Each structure stands twice: as C-alpha cells, then as structure tokens.
Amino acid sequence: MLAQLIRLFAGIRQSDGVTSHEVHGIPVIVYNTRSDIDTSAVIARLERSLSLIAQYVPHHFRHLKRDFAYIVVQRFACRGAYFHERRACLVELTFTVNPGFSDAEVAATILHEAMHARLHALGFPLEMADRARQERFCRRAEIEFGLFAPNAERVVERARWSSALSDEEVAPEIDPRLAAQRIAEVDRASARHQG
C-alpha cells in the first residue's frame, strides 16, 4: 500500500531519486523528486529533529524507535502521515527542508505520527470513526514536547488550535487524487521557476 501511495503521490519510478540512510538508528528512505532540494539537507534536518525528540521527550523517542519500521521522506499532501500496514512514518519532502519551519516543527510532525504508531502498536483501530479522538491524543504529545523544546512556541500554538477544531476539521479525509494533482502542479511551477 505505501509503495502504491508513494508512486501515486510522487509520480516516481522505483529508482528515481531514491536514497537510503539511517538516522538515530532508524532506517530512512528519501524519495527526492525535486532538483532544488539537497538530500543531505533533508537528512541533517531529520537528525536535528529526532535529536530534539530524544532530548526533550525521551520516553516517546524510545517508543518511536520500536514502533516505526522506517521513515520515508517524499512529496505528500500534508506534513506527515503514518502508514500502519508498513509501520512507516512519512514526512513531507518540502516541509522537511523549508527554512520557514523550525526543527521543532518538523520534530513535532514526526512525534505526531509516532503517537499514531504507538496507538497502533497498542491495538487501537485506526479507522476514521475514531480519528478525531486519536488526532487530539497526538496533539497532546506535540504540546508536551513543545513546552520543553526550544523554539517550539508555534508547535504548542498550532497543536492547541487544532485540538479545538470540530471532529471533522481535526481529522479531515484527504482525496488522494486531488492531492496528487495539486502536488504535481506545485512541482511543475517550481521547475518552471528554476528553469
């Protein structure tokens, strides 16, 4: 399923821009489909972000290392996702390297997905019927992290804001075809701007 989503969202063949790494003992696969993004910058950001989680919420980091089989970085419709059938955490490629977001914000996204992984490991169903409650659980972990980590004020603010949304808004369903279309449009515009 993850491989199909990867191909659907990124429109890539298996060998295009794919690199494997290990960060803090966690396997990482980067599907870098953007010539304007340096994969080494992606890995450096992951190293800093995972270090923040390990330092400020080490109990969550220990679970994260057990609950994730790997992290995949690629283009996607949102900042992050957890694919339970593969135990894979996805972090969005452009978000990962965007200097407008702090290391703490990238860390909070990884932590958020780690909380989904934790719930899955504990046997909680991940169906949409229970998603709002689970999203709020994940946001509470972001708040906990954000209260301790440096430069994490926006993490706390966003998590509190999101937690206050209605159930439908806090856990929206995403149309994967529409998301893939929008991602492709943005990437084409970026390529035209570079060229």
Protein backbone atom coordinates (compact mmCIF):
# COMPACT_ATOMS: atom_id res chain seq x y z
CA MET A 1 0.00 0.00 0.00
CA LEU A 2 2.74 2.50 0.90
CA ALA A 3 4.61 1.81 -2.33
CA GLN A 4 1.40 2.47 -4.28
CA LEU A 5 0.80 5.72 -2.40
CA ILE A 6 4.39 6.76 -2.99
CA ARG A 7 4.03 6.23 -6.72
CA LEU A 8 0.59 7.88 -6.79
CA PHE A 9 1.58 10.99 -4.86
CA ALA A 10 5.04 11.47 -6.24
CA GLY A 11 4.61 10.04 -9.72
CA ILE A 12 8.03 8.39 -9.49
CA ARG A 13 9.55 5.17 -10.69
CA GLN A 14 11.30 2.94 -8.17
CA SER A 15 14.84 4.19 -8.93
CA ASP A 16 14.26 7.95 -9.35
CA GLY A 17 15.99 9.93 -6.60
CA VAL A 18 15.72 7.17 -4.01
CA THR A 19 18.37 7.01 -1.29
CA SER A 20 18.60 5.01 1.93
CA HIS A 21 20.03 6.30 5.19
CA GLU A 22 20.00 5.64 8.91
CA VAL A 23 19.29 8.43 11.38
CA HIS A 24 19.47 7.78 15.13
CA GLY A 25 19.19 4.06 14.42
CA ILE A 26 16.05 4.45 12.30
CA PRO A 27 16.10 3.48 8.61
CA VAL A 28 15.22 6.42 6.36
CA ILE A 29 14.25 6.35 2.69
CA VAL A 30 14.27 9.63 0.78
CA TYR A 31 12.36 9.92 -2.50
CA ASN A 32 13.77 13.22 -3.68
CA THR A 33 11.92 14.21 -6.83
CA ARG A 34 12.97 17.85 -6.61
CA SER A 35 16.26 19.02 -8.13
CA ASP A 36 16.14 22.14 -5.94
CA ILE A 37 16.28 20.07 -2.73
CA ASP A 38 19.56 18.68 -1.41
CA THR A 39 19.03 15.26 0.16
CA SER A 40 21.83 15.95 2.64
CA ALA A 41 19.76 18.90 3.95
CA VAL A 42 16.81 16.53 4.43
CA ILE A 43 18.95 14.12 6.46
CA ALA A 44 20.51 16.95 8.50
CA ARG A 45 17.03 18.25 9.40
CA LEU A 46 15.87 14.77 10.40
CA GLU A 47 18.97 14.36 12.59
CA ARG A 48 18.30 17.65 14.38
CA SER A 49 14.57 16.97 14.74
CA LEU A 50 14.99 13.44 16.07
CA SER A 51 17.66 14.73 18.47
CA LEU A 52 15.10 17.17 19.88
CA ILE A 53 12.60 14.38 20.46
CA ALA A 54 15.27 12.20 22.09
CA GLN A 55 16.37 15.04 24.36
CA TYR A 56 13.05 16.58 25.40
CA VAL A 57 10.63 13.63 25.36
CA PRO A 58 12.93 10.59 25.58
CA HIS A 59 10.07 8.28 26.61
CA HIS A 60 8.33 8.99 23.30
CA PHE A 61 11.60 8.59 21.39
CA ARG A 62 12.14 5.09 22.82
CA HIS A 63 8.66 4.05 21.63
CA LEU A 64 9.17 5.75 18.27
CA LYS A 65 12.31 3.71 17.61
CA ARG A 66 10.38 0.49 18.29
CA ASP A 67 7.11 1.47 16.61
CA PHE A 68 8.47 2.81 13.29
CA ALA A 69 9.94 0.30 10.86
CA TYR A 70 11.30 3.27 8.93
CA ILE A 71 10.80 6.90 7.98
CA VAL A 72 10.13 7.87 4.39
CA VAL A 73 10.57 11.42 3.12
CA GLN A 74 8.76 12.35 -0.08
CA ARG A 75 6.28 14.78 -1.61
CA PHE A 76 2.88 14.42 0.00
CA ALA A 77 -0.37 16.29 0.59
CA CYS A 78 0.35 17.13 4.23
CA ARG A 79 3.28 17.44 6.64
CA GLY A 80 3.25 13.84 7.76
CA ALA A 81 1.39 10.55 7.80
CA TYR A 82 1.61 7.13 9.41
CA PHE A 83 1.08 4.00 7.31
CA HIS A 84 0.23 1.30 9.82
CA GLU A 85 0.42 -1.62 7.40
CA ARG A 86 4.13 -0.83 6.88
CA ARG A 87 4.77 0.83 10.27
CA ALA A 88 6.15 3.72 8.23
CA CYS A 89 6.30 7.38 9.16
CA LEU A 90 6.12 9.73 6.21
CA VAL A 91 7.49 13.27 6.43
CA GLU A 92 6.80 15.60 3.53
CA LEU A 93 9.90 16.48 1.49
CA THR A 94 9.45 20.24 1.01
CA PHE A 95 8.24 20.73 4.57
CA THR A 96 11.34 18.97 5.88
CA VAL A 97 13.74 21.48 4.31
CA ASN A 98 11.59 24.61 4.36
CA PRO A 99 13.50 27.23 6.41
CA GLY A 100 10.17 28.78 7.37
CA PHE A 101 9.63 25.84 9.71
CA SER A 102 11.81 25.15 12.74
CA ASP A 103 13.49 21.89 13.69
CA ALA A 104 10.92 21.70 16.48
CA GLU A 105 8.05 21.86 13.98
CA VAL A 106 9.49 19.01 11.93
CA ALA A 107 10.12 17.09 15.17
CA ALA A 108 6.51 17.68 16.25
CA THR A 109 5.27 16.20 12.98
CA ILE A 110 7.42 13.09 13.47
CA LEU A 111 6.25 12.85 17.08
CA HIS A 112 2.62 13.22 16.00
CA GLU A 113 2.99 10.29 13.62
CA ALA A 114 4.85 8.35 16.32
CA MET A 115 1.79 8.70 18.53
CA HIS A 116 -0.35 7.16 15.77
CA ALA A 117 2.22 4.35 15.63
CA ARG A 118 2.03 3.95 19.42
CA LEU A 119 -1.77 3.65 19.29
CA HIS A 120 -1.49 1.11 16.50
CA ALA A 121 1.11 -0.90 18.44
CA LEU A 122 -1.25 -0.92 21.43
CA GLY A 123 -4.05 -2.34 19.26
CA PHE A 124 -6.22 0.73 18.75
CA PRO A 125 -8.13 0.72 15.45
CA LEU A 126 -7.07 3.46 13.05
CA GLU A 127 -10.39 3.84 11.23
CA MET A 128 -11.79 7.30 10.53
CA ALA A 129 -14.63 6.84 13.05
CA ASP A 130 -12.15 7.31 15.91
CA ARG A 131 -9.72 9.67 14.16
CA ALA A 132 -10.70 12.91 15.91
CA ARG A 133 -10.01 11.45 19.35
CA GLN A 134 -6.72 9.98 18.13
CA GLU A 135 -5.68 13.26 16.48
CA ARG A 136 -6.22 15.08 19.78
CA PHE A 137 -4.14 12.43 21.57
CA CYS A 138 -1.32 13.08 19.08
CA ARG A 139 -1.67 16.84 19.53
CA ARG A 140 -1.30 16.46 23.31
CA ALA A 141 2.08 14.82 22.75
CA GLU A 142 3.05 17.74 20.50
CA ILE A 143 2.08 20.17 23.26
CA GLU A 144 4.09 18.20 25.84
CA PHE A 145 7.13 18.31 23.54
CA GLY A 146 6.60 21.96 22.64
CA LEU A 147 6.52 23.07 26.27
CA PHE A 148 10.04 21.68 26.80
CA ALA A 149 11.82 22.09 23.46
CA PRO A 150 13.48 25.34 22.38
CA ASN A 151 11.85 27.46 19.68
CA ALA A 152 8.67 25.41 19.85
CA GLU A 153 6.10 28.10 20.58
CA ARG A 154 4.48 27.60 17.17
CA VAL A 155 4.24 23.85 17.86
CA VAL A 156 2.22 24.48 21.01
CA GLU A 157 0.09 27.16 19.37
CA ARG A 158 -0.75 25.00 16.33
CA ALA A 159 -1.46 21.89 18.43
CA ARG A 160 -3.77 23.79 20.78
CA TRP A 161 -5.55 25.47 17.86
CA SER A 162 -6.00 22.16 16.03
CA SER A 163 -7.25 20.36 19.14
CA ALA A 164 -10.05 22.91 19.48
CA LEU A 165 -11.39 22.25 15.97
CA SER A 166 -14.52 20.21 15.35
CA ASP A 167 -14.12 16.46 14.90
CA GLU A 168 -14.50 16.80 11.12
CA GLU A 169 -11.89 19.55 10.94
CA VAL A 170 -9.32 17.99 13.26
CA ALA A 171 -9.30 14.74 11.26
CA PRO A 172 -10.27 15.54 7.65
CA GLU A 173 -10.33 12.95 4.90
CA ILE A 174 -7.96 13.72 2.04
CA ASP A 175 -8.80 12.94 -1.59
CA PRO A 176 -5.53 11.31 -2.75
CA ARG A 177 -6.10 12.04 -6.45
CA LEU A 178 -6.81 15.72 -5.87
CA ALA A 179 -3.81 15.94 -3.54
CA ALA A 180 -1.55 14.30 -6.13
CA GLN A 181 -2.81 16.72 -8.78
CA ARG A 182 -2.07 19.74 -6.60
CA ILE A 183 1.39 18.48 -5.69
CA ALA A 184 2.19 17.94 -9.37
CA GLU A 185 1.02 21.48 -10.20
CA VAL A 186 3.23 22.99 -7.49
CA ASP A 187 6.25 20.94 -8.58
CA ARG A 188 5.76 21.92 -12.25
CA ALA A 189 5.56 25.59 -11.26
CA SER A 190 8.72 25.23 -9.18
CA ALA A 191 10.56 23.58 -12.08
CA ARG A 192 9.46 26.36 -14.46
CA HIS A 193 10.66 28.97 -11.97
CA GLN A 194 14.07 27.30 -11.71
CA GLY A 195 14.49 26.87 -15.45
